[in-house]
Amino acid sequence: MTKSVELSCEKFVEVLSSKEPAPGGGGAAALVGAIGAGLGDMVGALTVGKPKYAEAEPEILELMLDADDLQVHLLALVEADAEAFVPLSAAYGLPSATDEEKAHKAEVLEACLRDAAAVPLDIMRACGRAIELCVRFAAVGSPVVISDAGCGVIISKAALQAASLNVFVNTRLMKDRVHAEACDAQARELLDRYVPMADATFANVEERLR
Protein backbone atom coordinates (compact mmCIF):
# COMPACT_ATOMS: atom_id res chain seq x y z
CA MET A 1 0.00 0.00 0.00
CA THR A 2 1.34 3.44 -0.94
CA LYS A 3 2.24 5.65 2.00
CA SER A 4 0.50 9.01 2.24
CA VAL A 5 3.81 10.89 2.06
CA GLU A 6 4.68 9.11 -1.19
CA LEU A 7 1.58 10.49 -2.92
CA SER A 8 1.74 13.55 -5.13
CA CYS A 9 0.46 16.75 -3.55
CA GLU A 10 -2.57 16.52 -5.82
CA LYS A 11 -3.33 12.91 -4.82
CA PHE A 12 -2.75 13.58 -1.11
CA VAL A 13 -5.34 16.36 -1.17
CA GLU A 14 -7.70 14.16 -3.18
CA VAL A 15 -7.54 11.38 -0.59
CA LEU A 16 -7.75 13.92 2.23
CA SER A 17 -11.00 15.18 0.67
CA SER A 18 -12.52 11.71 0.41
CA LYS A 19 -14.31 9.35 2.79
CA GLU A 20 -11.06 7.53 3.54
CA PRO A 21 -10.34 7.53 7.30
CA ALA A 22 -6.73 8.60 6.74
CA PRO A 23 -4.98 10.86 6.15
CA GLY A 24 -7.01 13.22 8.31
CA GLY A 25 -6.40 16.27 10.43
CA GLY A 26 -3.49 14.78 12.33
CA GLY A 27 -1.66 13.62 9.22
CA ALA A 28 -2.28 16.96 7.54
CA ALA A 29 -0.89 18.74 10.61
CA ALA A 30 2.26 16.62 10.54
CA LEU A 31 2.78 17.31 6.84
CA VAL A 32 2.27 21.03 7.32
CA GLY A 33 4.70 20.96 10.25
CA ALA A 34 7.30 19.35 8.00
CA ILE A 35 6.74 22.12 5.47
CA GLY A 36 7.22 24.72 8.21
CA ALA A 37 10.50 23.13 9.25
CA GLY A 38 11.53 22.96 5.61
CA LEU A 39 10.99 26.68 5.16
CA GLY A 40 13.27 27.38 8.10
CA ASP A 41 15.82 25.01 6.62
CA MET A 42 15.69 26.94 3.34
CA VAL A 43 16.60 30.14 5.18
CA GLY A 44 19.69 28.39 6.46
CA ALA A 45 20.59 27.00 3.03
CA LEU A 46 20.40 30.49 1.52
CA THR A 47 22.50 32.00 4.32
CA VAL A 48 25.43 29.62 4.79
CA GLY A 49 28.51 30.25 2.71
CA LYS A 50 28.10 34.00 2.66
CA PRO A 51 31.00 35.87 4.29
CA LYS A 52 28.64 38.34 5.91
CA TYR A 53 27.14 35.54 8.03
CA ALA A 54 30.34 33.58 8.72
CA GLU A 55 30.08 34.18 12.46
CA ALA A 56 26.58 32.69 12.60
CA GLU A 57 27.35 29.81 10.24
CA PRO A 58 28.16 27.15 12.90
CA GLU A 59 24.79 27.74 14.57
CA ILE A 60 22.98 27.81 11.25
CA LEU A 61 24.51 24.49 10.22
CA GLU A 62 23.37 22.96 13.53
CA LEU A 63 19.89 24.36 13.02
CA MET A 64 19.79 22.88 9.52
CA LEU A 65 20.75 19.44 10.80
CA ASP A 66 17.98 19.65 13.40
CA ALA A 67 15.52 20.82 10.75
CA ASP A 68 16.48 17.93 8.46
CA ASP A 69 15.85 15.40 11.24
CA LEU A 70 12.61 17.10 12.19
CA GLN A 71 11.25 16.94 8.66
CA VAL A 72 11.92 13.20 8.54
CA HIS A 73 10.26 12.75 11.93
CA LEU A 74 7.17 14.75 11.00
CA LEU A 75 6.75 12.89 7.72
CA ALA A 76 6.92 9.63 9.66
CA LEU A 77 4.20 10.99 11.95
CA VAL A 78 1.92 11.43 8.92
CA GLU A 79 1.96 7.65 8.62
CA ALA A 80 1.87 7.05 12.37
CA ASP A 81 -1.29 9.11 12.64
CA ALA A 82 -2.97 7.03 9.94
CA GLU A 83 -1.84 3.81 11.63
CA ALA A 84 -3.37 4.98 14.90
CA PHE A 85 -6.63 6.30 13.49
CA VAL A 86 -7.64 3.47 11.13
CA PRO A 87 -8.09 0.94 14.01
CA LEU A 88 -10.09 3.55 15.94
CA SER A 89 -12.36 4.08 12.96
CA ALA A 90 -12.86 0.33 12.71
CA ALA A 91 -13.50 -0.01 16.46
CA TYR A 92 -16.60 2.18 16.23
CA GLY A 93 -18.10 -0.48 13.95
CA LEU A 94 -17.65 -3.35 16.41
CA PRO A 95 -20.87 -5.11 17.40
CA SER A 96 -22.49 -4.10 20.70
CA ALA A 97 -25.66 -6.16 20.88
CA THR A 98 -24.70 -8.08 24.03
CA ASP A 99 -23.09 -7.04 27.30
CA GLU A 100 -20.01 -9.04 26.35
CA GLU A 101 -19.76 -7.30 22.99
CA LYS A 102 -20.28 -3.90 24.61
CA ALA A 103 -17.50 -4.57 27.12
CA HIS A 104 -15.14 -5.72 24.37
CA LYS A 105 -15.97 -2.71 22.21
CA ALA A 106 -15.41 -0.32 25.12
CA GLU A 107 -12.02 -1.92 25.87
CA VAL A 108 -10.88 -1.75 22.25
CA LEU A 109 -12.11 1.82 21.87
CA GLU A 110 -10.25 2.96 24.97
CA ALA A 111 -6.98 1.47 23.74
CA CYS A 112 -7.47 2.98 20.27
CA LEU A 113 -8.33 6.40 21.71
CA ARG A 114 -5.07 6.37 23.69
CA ASP A 115 -3.07 5.65 20.55
CA ALA A 116 -5.03 8.17 18.49
CA ALA A 117 -4.32 10.92 21.05
CA ALA A 118 -0.66 10.01 21.57
CA VAL A 119 0.39 10.60 17.96
CA PRO A 120 -0.95 14.16 17.64
CA LEU A 121 0.75 14.95 20.94
CA ASP A 122 4.00 13.86 19.30
CA ILE A 123 3.11 16.00 16.30
CA MET A 124 2.59 18.97 18.62
CA ARG A 125 6.00 18.47 20.22
CA ALA A 126 7.63 18.29 16.80
CA CYS A 127 5.79 21.40 15.60
CA GLY A 128 6.94 23.21 18.73
CA ARG A 129 10.50 22.34 17.83
CA ALA A 130 9.88 23.57 14.28
CA ILE A 131 8.75 26.90 15.74
CA GLU A 132 11.90 27.10 17.86
CA LEU A 133 14.06 26.47 14.80
CA CYS A 134 12.24 29.05 12.69
CA VAL A 135 12.64 31.59 15.50
CA ARG A 136 16.41 31.15 15.36
CA PHE A 137 16.50 31.10 11.55
CA ALA A 138 14.64 34.42 11.62
CA ALA A 139 17.15 35.82 14.10
CA VAL A 140 20.39 34.73 12.42
CA GLY A 141 19.45 34.13 8.79
CA SER A 142 19.83 36.48 5.87
CA PRO A 143 17.24 39.29 5.85
CA VAL A 144 16.77 38.58 2.14
CA VAL A 145 14.87 35.39 3.06
CA ILE A 146 13.41 36.54 6.37
CA SER A 147 9.90 36.18 4.95
CA ASP A 148 10.45 32.43 4.63
CA ALA A 149 11.33 32.18 8.31
CA GLY A 150 8.12 34.07 9.08
CA CYS A 151 6.14 31.74 6.84
CA GLY A 152 7.77 28.74 8.51
CA VAL A 153 6.96 29.90 12.02
CA ILE A 154 3.31 30.72 11.33
CA ILE A 155 2.77 27.53 9.33
CA SER A 156 4.28 25.50 12.16
CA LYS A 157 1.97 27.29 14.60
CA ALA A 158 -1.06 26.33 12.51
CA ALA A 159 0.12 22.72 12.46
CA LEU A 160 0.60 22.78 16.24
CA GLN A 161 -2.92 24.09 16.79
CA ALA A 162 -4.41 21.64 14.30
CA ALA A 163 -2.70 18.73 16.03
CA SER A 164 -4.06 19.90 19.40
CA LEU A 165 -7.63 19.48 18.14
CA ASN A 166 -6.78 15.90 17.27
CA VAL A 167 -5.68 15.36 20.85
CA PHE A 168 -8.80 16.89 22.34
CA VAL A 169 -11.25 15.12 20.03
CA ASN A 170 -9.94 11.77 21.30
CA THR A 171 -9.37 12.54 24.97
CA ARG A 172 -12.94 13.78 25.42
CA LEU A 173 -14.20 10.27 24.66
CA MET A 174 -11.82 8.42 27.00
CA LYS A 175 -13.27 6.67 30.03
CA ASP A 176 -9.95 6.99 31.85
CA ARG A 177 -10.30 10.65 32.77
CA VAL A 178 -6.97 10.77 34.61
CA HIS A 179 -5.12 9.82 31.45
CA ALA A 180 -7.31 12.08 29.33
CA GLU A 181 -6.69 15.10 31.53
CA ALA A 182 -2.95 14.39 31.57
CA CYS A 183 -2.91 14.42 27.76
CA ASP A 184 -5.00 17.59 27.66
CA ALA A 185 -2.63 19.28 30.10
CA GLN A 186 0.37 18.41 27.95
CA ALA A 187 -1.37 19.76 24.85
CA ARG A 188 -2.36 23.01 26.55
CA GLU A 189 1.17 23.45 27.89
CA LEU A 190 2.55 23.14 24.37
CA LEU A 191 0.00 25.64 23.07
CA ASP A 192 0.73 28.09 25.88
CA ARG A 193 4.45 27.86 25.22
CA TYR A 194 4.65 27.93 21.45
CA VAL A 195 1.69 29.95 20.16
CA PRO A 196 2.92 33.22 21.74
CA MET A 197 6.46 32.44 20.56
CA ALA A 198 5.28 31.97 16.98
CA ASP A 199 3.09 35.08 17.08
CA ALA A 200 5.92 37.23 18.42
CA THR A 201 8.33 36.05 15.73
CA PHE A 202 5.75 36.51 12.98
CA ALA A 203 5.06 40.04 14.20
CA ASN A 204 8.79 40.77 14.30
CA VAL A 205 9.30 39.50 10.76
CA GLU A 206 6.29 41.44 9.51
CA GLU A 207 7.66 44.60 11.12
CA ARG A 208 11.08 44.08 9.52
CA LEU A 209 9.47 43.74 6.11
CA ARG A 210 7.63 47.06 6.33
C-alpha atoms as a PDB file:
ATOM      1  CA  MET A   1       0.000   0.000   0.000  1.00  0.00           C
ATOM      2  CA  THR A   2       1.343   3.438  -0.942  1.00  0.00           C
ATOM      3  CA  LYS A   3       2.245   5.651   1.999  1.00  0.00           C
ATOM      4  CA  SER A   4       0.503   9.009   2.243  1.00  0.00           C
ATOM      5  CA  VAL A   5       3.812  10.895   2.061  1.00  0.00           C
ATOM      6  CA  GLU A   6       4.675   9.109  -1.194  1.00  0.00           C
ATOM      7  CA  LEU A   7       1.582  10.485  -2.916  1.00  0.00           C
ATOM      8  CA  SER A   8       1.744  13.547  -5.128  1.00  0.00           C
ATOM      9  CA  CYS A   9       0.455  16.746  -3.548  1.00  0.00           C
ATOM     10  CA  GLU A  10      -2.572  16.518  -5.823  1.00  0.00           C
ATOM     11  CA  LYS A  11      -3.325  12.911  -4.817  1.00  0.00           C
ATOM     12  CA  PHE A  12      -2.751  13.583  -1.108  1.00  0.00           C
ATOM     13  CA  VAL A  13      -5.344  16.361  -1.167  1.00  0.00           C
ATOM     14  CA  GLU A  14      -7.702  14.160  -3.182  1.00  0.00           C
ATOM     15  CA  VAL A  15      -7.541  11.378  -0.589  1.00  0.00           C
ATOM     16  CA  LEU A  16      -7.751  13.918   2.226  1.00  0.00           C
ATOM     17  CA  SER A  17     -10.997  15.178   0.668  1.00  0.00           C
ATOM     18  CA  SER A  18     -12.524  11.706   0.415  1.00  0.00           C
ATOM     19  CA  LYS A  19     -14.312   9.347   2.791  1.00  0.00           C
ATOM     20  CA  GLU A  20     -11.062   7.526   3.542  1.00  0.00           C
ATOM     21  CA  PRO A  21     -10.336   7.525   7.300  1.00  0.00           C
ATOM     22  CA  ALA A  22      -6.734   8.601   6.744  1.00  0.00           C
ATOM     23  CA  PRO A  23      -4.982  10.861   6.148  1.00  0.00           C
ATOM     24  CA  GLY A  24      -7.010  13.223   8.307  1.00  0.00           C
ATOM     25  CA  GLY A  25      -6.404  16.268  10.430  1.00  0.00           C
ATOM     26  CA  GLY A  26      -3.486  14.779  12.328  1.00  0.00           C
ATOM     27  CA  GLY A  27      -1.655  13.621   9.223  1.00  0.00           C
ATOM     28  CA  ALA A  28      -2.279  16.958   7.540  1.00  0.00           C
ATOM     29  CA  ALA A  29      -0.888  18.745  10.609  1.00  0.00           C
ATOM     30  CA  ALA A  30       2.256  16.623  10.537  1.00  0.00           C
ATOM     31  CA  LEU A  31       2.777  17.307   6.836  1.00  0.00           C
ATOM     32  CA  VAL A  32       2.271  21.034   7.320  1.00  0.00           C
ATOM     33  CA  GLY A  33       4.702  20.964  10.252  1.00  0.00           C
ATOM     34  CA  ALA A  34       7.301  19.349   8.004  1.00  0.00           C
ATOM     35  CA  ILE A  35       6.744  22.122   5.473  1.00  0.00           C
ATOM     36  CA  GLY A  36       7.220  24.718   8.211  1.00  0.00           C
ATOM     37  CA  ALA A  37      10.502  23.125   9.253  1.00  0.00           C
ATOM     38  CA  GLY A  38      11.526  22.961   5.609  1.00  0.00           C
ATOM     39  CA  LEU A  39      10.987  26.684   5.157  1.00  0.00           C
ATOM     40  CA  GLY A  40      13.268  27.382   8.095  1.00  0.00           C
ATOM     41  CA  ASP A  41      15.822  25.011   6.617  1.00  0.00           C
ATOM     42  CA  MET A  42      15.693  26.941   3.344  1.00  0.00           C
ATOM     43  CA  VAL A  43      16.598  30.144   5.182  1.00  0.00           C
ATOM     44  CA  GLY A  44      19.694  28.395   6.463  1.00  0.00           C
ATOM     45  CA  ALA A  45      20.594  27.004   3.035  1.00  0.00           C
ATOM     46  CA  LEU A  46      20.399  30.488   1.524  1.00  0.00           C
ATOM     47  CA  THR A  47      22.495  32.002   4.321  1.00  0.00           C
ATOM     48  CA  VAL A  48      25.431  29.623   4.791  1.00  0.00           C
ATOM     49  CA  GLY A  49      28.513  30.248   2.709  1.00  0.00           C
ATOM     50  CA  LYS A  50      28.099  34.000   2.657  1.00  0.00           C
ATOM     51  CA  PRO A  51      31.002  35.866   4.287  1.00  0.00           C
ATOM     52  CA  LYS A  52      28.640  38.341   5.911  1.00  0.00           C
ATOM     53  CA  TYR A  53      27.139  35.545   8.025  1.00  0.00           C
ATOM     54  CA  ALA A  54      30.335  33.583   8.722  1.00  0.00           C
ATOM     55  CA  GLU A  55      30.076  34.182  12.463  1.00  0.00           C
ATOM     56  CA  ALA A  56      26.577  32.687  12.605  1.00  0.00           C
ATOM     57  CA  GLU A  57      27.353  29.807  10.240  1.00  0.00           C
ATOM     58  CA  PRO A  58      28.164  27.152  12.898  1.00  0.00           C
ATOM     59  CA  GLU A  59      24.788  27.744  14.569  1.00  0.00           C
ATOM     60  CA  ILE A  60      22.975  27.806  11.254  1.00  0.00           C
ATOM     61  CA  LEU A  61      24.505  24.491  10.219  1.00  0.00           C
ATOM     62  CA  GLU A  62      23.371  22.965  13.533  1.00  0.00           C
ATOM     63  CA  LEU A  63      19.888  24.363  13.017  1.00  0.00           C
ATOM     64  CA  MET A  64      19.786  22.884   9.523  1.00  0.00           C
ATOM     65  CA  LEU A  65      20.749  19.441  10.800  1.00  0.00           C
ATOM     66  CA  ASP A  66      17.984  19.654  13.397  1.00  0.00           C
ATOM     67  CA  ALA A  67      15.524  20.818  10.753  1.00  0.00           C
ATOM     68  CA  ASP A  68      16.480  17.930   8.465  1.00  0.00           C
ATOM     69  CA  ASP A  69      15.852  15.403  11.242  1.00  0.00           C
ATOM     70  CA  LEU A  70      12.610  17.102  12.194  1.00  0.00           C
ATOM     71  CA  GLN A  71      11.247  16.936   8.657  1.00  0.00           C
ATOM     72  CA  VAL A  72      11.919  13.199   8.536  1.00  0.00           C
ATOM     73  CA  HIS A  73      10.263  12.754  11.933  1.00  0.00           C
ATOM     74  CA  LEU A  74       7.167  14.753  10.996  1.00  0.00           C
ATOM     75  CA  LEU A  75       6.747  12.892   7.716  1.00  0.00           C
ATOM     76  CA  ALA A  76       6.919   9.634   9.661  1.00  0.00           C
ATOM     77  CA  LEU A  77       4.202  10.991  11.947  1.00  0.00           C
ATOM     78  CA  VAL A  78       1.920  11.426   8.922  1.00  0.00           C
ATOM     79  CA  GLU A  79       1.962   7.646   8.616  1.00  0.00           C
ATOM     80  CA  ALA A  80       1.874   7.054  12.370  1.00  0.00           C
ATOM     81  CA  ASP A  81      -1.294   9.111  12.641  1.00  0.00           C
ATOM     82  CA  ALA A  82      -2.968   7.028   9.944  1.00  0.00           C
ATOM     83  CA  GLU A  83      -1.843   3.814  11.631  1.00  0.00           C
ATOM     84  CA  ALA A  84      -3.372   4.979  14.904  1.00  0.00           C
ATOM     85  CA  PHE A  85      -6.630   6.299  13.485  1.00  0.00           C
ATOM     86  CA  VAL A  86      -7.639   3.467  11.134  1.00  0.00           C
ATOM     87  CA  PRO A  87      -8.089   0.945  14.009  1.00  0.00           C
ATOM     88  CA  LEU A  88     -10.093   3.548  15.938  1.00  0.00           C
ATOM     89  CA  SER A  89     -12.363   4.084  12.960  1.00  0.00           C
ATOM     90  CA  ALA A  90     -12.865   0.326  12.710  1.00  0.00           C
ATOM     91  CA  ALA A  91     -13.498  -0.006  16.459  1.00  0.00           C
ATOM     92  CA  TYR A  92     -16.599   2.179  16.230  1.00  0.00           C
ATOM     93  CA  GLY A  93     -18.101  -0.481  13.950  1.00  0.00           C
ATOM     94  CA  LEU A  94     -17.650  -3.353  16.410  1.00  0.00           C
ATOM     95  CA  PRO A  95     -20.874  -5.112  17.405  1.00  0.00           C
ATOM     96  CA  SER A  96     -22.491  -4.101  20.697  1.00  0.00           C
ATOM     97  CA  ALA A  97     -25.658  -6.156  20.882  1.00  0.00           C
ATOM     98  CA  THR A  98     -24.701  -8.083  24.027  1.00  0.00           C
ATOM     99  CA  ASP A  99     -23.088  -7.044  27.298  1.00  0.00           C
ATOM    100  CA  GLU A 100     -20.011  -9.036  26.348  1.00  0.00           C
ATOM    101  CA  GLU A 101     -19.759  -7.295  22.986  1.00  0.00           C
ATOM    102  CA  LYS A 102     -20.280  -3.904  24.611  1.00  0.00           C
ATOM    103  CA  ALA A 103     -17.500  -4.574  27.117  1.00  0.00           C
ATOM    104  CA  HIS A 104     -15.141  -5.722  24.371  1.00  0.00           C
ATOM    105  CA  LYS A 105     -15.971  -2.708  22.206  1.00  0.00           C
ATOM    106  CA  ALA A 106     -15.406  -0.321  25.115  1.00  0.00           C
ATOM    107  CA  GLU A 107     -12.021  -1.917  25.874  1.00  0.00           C
ATOM    108  CA  VAL A 108     -10.880  -1.751  22.250  1.00  0.00           C
ATOM    109  CA  LEU A 109     -12.111   1.819  21.868  1.00  0.00           C
ATOM    110  CA  GLU A 110     -10.254   2.962  24.966  1.00  0.00           C
ATOM    111  CA  ALA A 111      -6.979   1.474  23.736  1.00  0.00           C
ATOM    112  CA  CYS A 112      -7.467   2.978  20.272  1.00  0.00           C
ATOM    113  CA  LEU A 113      -8.327   6.397  21.707  1.00  0.00           C
ATOM    114  CA  ARG A 114      -5.070   6.369  23.687  1.00  0.00           C
ATOM    115  CA  ASP A 115      -3.073   5.651  20.545  1.00  0.00           C
ATOM    116  CA  ALA A 116      -5.031   8.174  18.493  1.00  0.00           C
ATOM    117  CA  ALA A 117      -4.322  10.923  21.055  1.00  0.00           C
ATOM    118  CA  ALA A 118      -0.662  10.008  21.567  1.00  0.00           C
ATOM    119  CA  VAL A 119       0.392  10.597  17.961  1.00  0.00           C
ATOM    120  CA  PRO A 120      -0.954  14.160  17.641  1.00  0.00           C
ATOM    121  CA  LEU A 121       0.745  14.946  20.937  1.00  0.00           C
ATOM    122  CA  ASP A 122       3.999  13.860  19.302  1.00  0.00           C
ATOM    123  CA  ILE A 123       3.108  16.001  16.300  1.00  0.00           C
ATOM    124  CA  MET A 124       2.588  18.972  18.625  1.00  0.00           C
ATOM    125  CA  ARG A 125       6.005  18.469  20.224  1.00  0.00           C
ATOM    126  CA  ALA A 126       7.633  18.294  16.798  1.00  0.00           C
ATOM    127  CA  CYS A 127       5.795  21.403  15.596  1.00  0.00           C
ATOM    128  CA  GLY A 128       6.937  23.209  18.731  1.00  0.00           C
ATOM    129  CA  ARG A 129      10.497  22.343  17.829  1.00  0.00           C
ATOM    130  CA  ALA A 130       9.881  23.573  14.277  1.00  0.00           C
ATOM    131  CA  ILE A 131       8.748  26.896  15.741  1.00  0.00           C
ATOM    132  CA  GLU A 132      11.903  27.100  17.858  1.00  0.00           C
ATOM    133  CA  LEU A 133      14.062  26.472  14.799  1.00  0.00           C
ATOM    134  CA  CYS A 134      12.240  29.052  12.685  1.00  0.00           C
ATOM    135  CA  VAL A 135      12.639  31.593  15.496  1.00  0.00           C
ATOM    136  CA  ARG A 136      16.406  31.145  15.357  1.00  0.00           C
ATOM    137  CA  PHE A 137      16.497  31.105  11.553  1.00  0.00           C
ATOM    138  CA  ALA A 138      14.638  34.425  11.624  1.00  0.00           C
ATOM    139  CA  ALA A 139      17.149  35.816  14.099  1.00  0.00           C
ATOM    140  CA  VAL A 140      20.392  34.732  12.421  1.00  0.00           C
ATOM    141  CA  GLY A 141      19.447  34.129   8.790  1.00  0.00           C
ATOM    142  CA  SER A 142      19.830  36.478   5.874  1.00  0.00           C
ATOM    143  CA  PRO A 143      17.239  39.290   5.852  1.00  0.00           C
ATOM    144  CA  VAL A 144      16.773  38.577   2.144  1.00  0.00           C
ATOM    145  CA  VAL A 145      14.871  35.392   3.061  1.00  0.00           C
ATOM    146  CA  ILE A 146      13.411  36.538   6.373  1.00  0.00           C
ATOM    147  CA  SER A 147       9.899  36.182   4.953  1.00  0.00           C
ATOM    148  CA  ASP A 148      10.449  32.432   4.629  1.00  0.00           C
ATOM    149  CA  ALA A 149      11.330  32.177   8.311  1.00  0.00           C
ATOM    150  CA  GLY A 150       8.123  34.070   9.075  1.00  0.00           C
ATOM    151  CA  CYS A 151       6.141  31.738   6.844  1.00  0.00           C
ATOM    152  CA  GLY A 152       7.769  28.738   8.513  1.00  0.00           C
ATOM    153  CA  VAL A 153       6.960  29.895  12.024  1.00  0.00           C
ATOM    154  CA  ILE A 154       3.315  30.719  11.333  1.00  0.00           C
ATOM    155  CA  ILE A 155       2.766  27.529   9.326  1.00  0.00           C
ATOM    156  CA  SER A 156       4.281  25.495  12.162  1.00  0.00           C
ATOM    157  CA  LYS A 157       1.975  27.287  14.603  1.00  0.00           C
ATOM    158  CA  ALA A 158      -1.057  26.332  12.509  1.00  0.00           C
ATOM    159  CA  ALA A 159       0.125  22.720  12.461  1.00  0.00           C
ATOM    160  CA  LEU A 160       0.599  22.784  16.236  1.00  0.00           C
ATOM    161  CA  GLN A 161      -2.922  24.086  16.789  1.00  0.00           C
ATOM    162  CA  ALA A 162      -4.413  21.640  14.296  1.00  0.00           C
ATOM    163  CA  ALA A 163      -2.704  18.735  16.032  1.00  0.00           C
ATOM    164  CA  SER A 164      -4.058  19.904  19.396  1.00  0.00           C
ATOM    165  CA  LEU A 165      -7.625  19.482  18.143  1.00  0.00           C
ATOM    166  CA  ASN A 166      -6.785  15.896  17.266  1.00  0.00           C
ATOM    167  CA  VAL A 167      -5.678  15.355  20.847  1.00  0.00           C
ATOM    168  CA  PHE A 168      -8.802  16.893  22.340  1.00  0.00           C
ATOM    169  CA  VAL A 169     -11.254  15.117  20.034  1.00  0.00           C
ATOM    170  CA  ASN A 170      -9.935  11.770  21.301  1.00  0.00           C
ATOM    171  CA  THR A 171      -9.373  12.545  24.971  1.00  0.00           C
ATOM    172  CA  ARG A 172     -12.937  13.785  25.416  1.00  0.00           C
ATOM    173  CA  LEU A 173     -14.197  10.273  24.663  1.00  0.00           C
ATOM    174  CA  MET A 174     -11.820   8.422  27.000  1.00  0.00           C
ATOM    175  CA  LYS A 175     -13.271   6.669  30.025  1.00  0.00           C
ATOM    176  CA  ASP A 176      -9.945   6.986  31.850  1.00  0.00           C
ATOM    177  CA  ARG A 177     -10.303  10.649  32.768  1.00  0.00           C
ATOM    178  CA  VAL A 178      -6.974  10.774  34.607  1.00  0.00           C
ATOM    179  CA  HIS A 179      -5.121   9.816  31.449  1.00  0.00           C
ATOM    180  CA  ALA A 180      -7.314  12.082  29.326  1.00  0.00           C
ATOM    181  CA  GLU A 181      -6.689  15.095  31.528  1.00  0.00           C
ATOM    182  CA  ALA A 182      -2.950  14.391  31.568  1.00  0.00           C
ATOM    183  CA  CYS A 183      -2.910  14.418  27.755  1.00  0.00           C
ATOM    184  CA  ASP A 184      -4.999  17.588  27.660  1.00  0.00           C
ATOM    185  CA  ALA A 185      -2.629  19.277  30.103  1.00  0.00           C
ATOM    186  CA  GLN A 186       0.374  18.413  27.948  1.00  0.00           C
ATOM    187  CA  ALA A 187      -1.366  19.756  24.847  1.00  0.00           C
ATOM    188  CA  ARG A 188      -2.361  23.007  26.548  1.00  0.00           C
ATOM    189  CA  GLU A 189       1.167  23.449  27.890  1.00  0.00           C
ATOM    190  CA  LEU A 190       2.550  23.144  24.369  1.00  0.00           C
ATOM    191  CA  LEU A 191      -0.004  25.642  23.069  1.00  0.00           C
ATOM    192  CA  ASP A 192       0.731  28.086  25.880  1.00  0.00           C
ATOM    193  CA  ARG A 193       4.452  27.860  25.216  1.00  0.00           C
ATOM    194  CA  TYR A 194       4.653  27.928  21.447  1.00  0.00           C
ATOM    195  CA  VAL A 195       1.687  29.952  20.157  1.00  0.00           C
ATOM    196  CA  PRO A 196       2.923  33.222  21.738  1.00  0.00           C
ATOM    197  CA  MET A 197       6.464  32.435  20.559  1.00  0.00           C
ATOM    198  CA  ALA A 198       5.283  31.973  16.981  1.00  0.00           C
ATOM    199  CA  ASP A 199       3.086  35.077  17.084  1.00  0.00           C
ATOM    200  CA  ALA A 200       5.918  37.226  18.419  1.00  0.00           C
ATOM    201  CA  THR A 201       8.327  36.054  15.728  1.00  0.00           C
ATOM    202  CA  PHE A 202       5.752  36.509  12.978  1.00  0.00           C
ATOM    203  CA  ALA A 203       5.063  40.042  14.196  1.00  0.00           C
ATOM    204  CA  ASN A 204       8.789  40.767  14.295  1.00  0.00           C
ATOM    205  CA  VAL A 205       9.296  39.496  10.756  1.00  0.00           C
ATOM    206  CA  GLU A 206       6.286  41.437   9.512  1.00  0.00           C
ATOM    207  CA  GLU A 207       7.656  44.605  11.120  1.00  0.00           C
ATOM    208  CA  ARG A 208      11.075  44.080   9.525  1.00  0.00           C
ATOM    209  CA  LEU A 209       9.467  43.739   6.106  1.00  0.00           C
ATOM    210  CA  ARG A 210       7.626  47.057   6.329  1.00  0.00           C
END
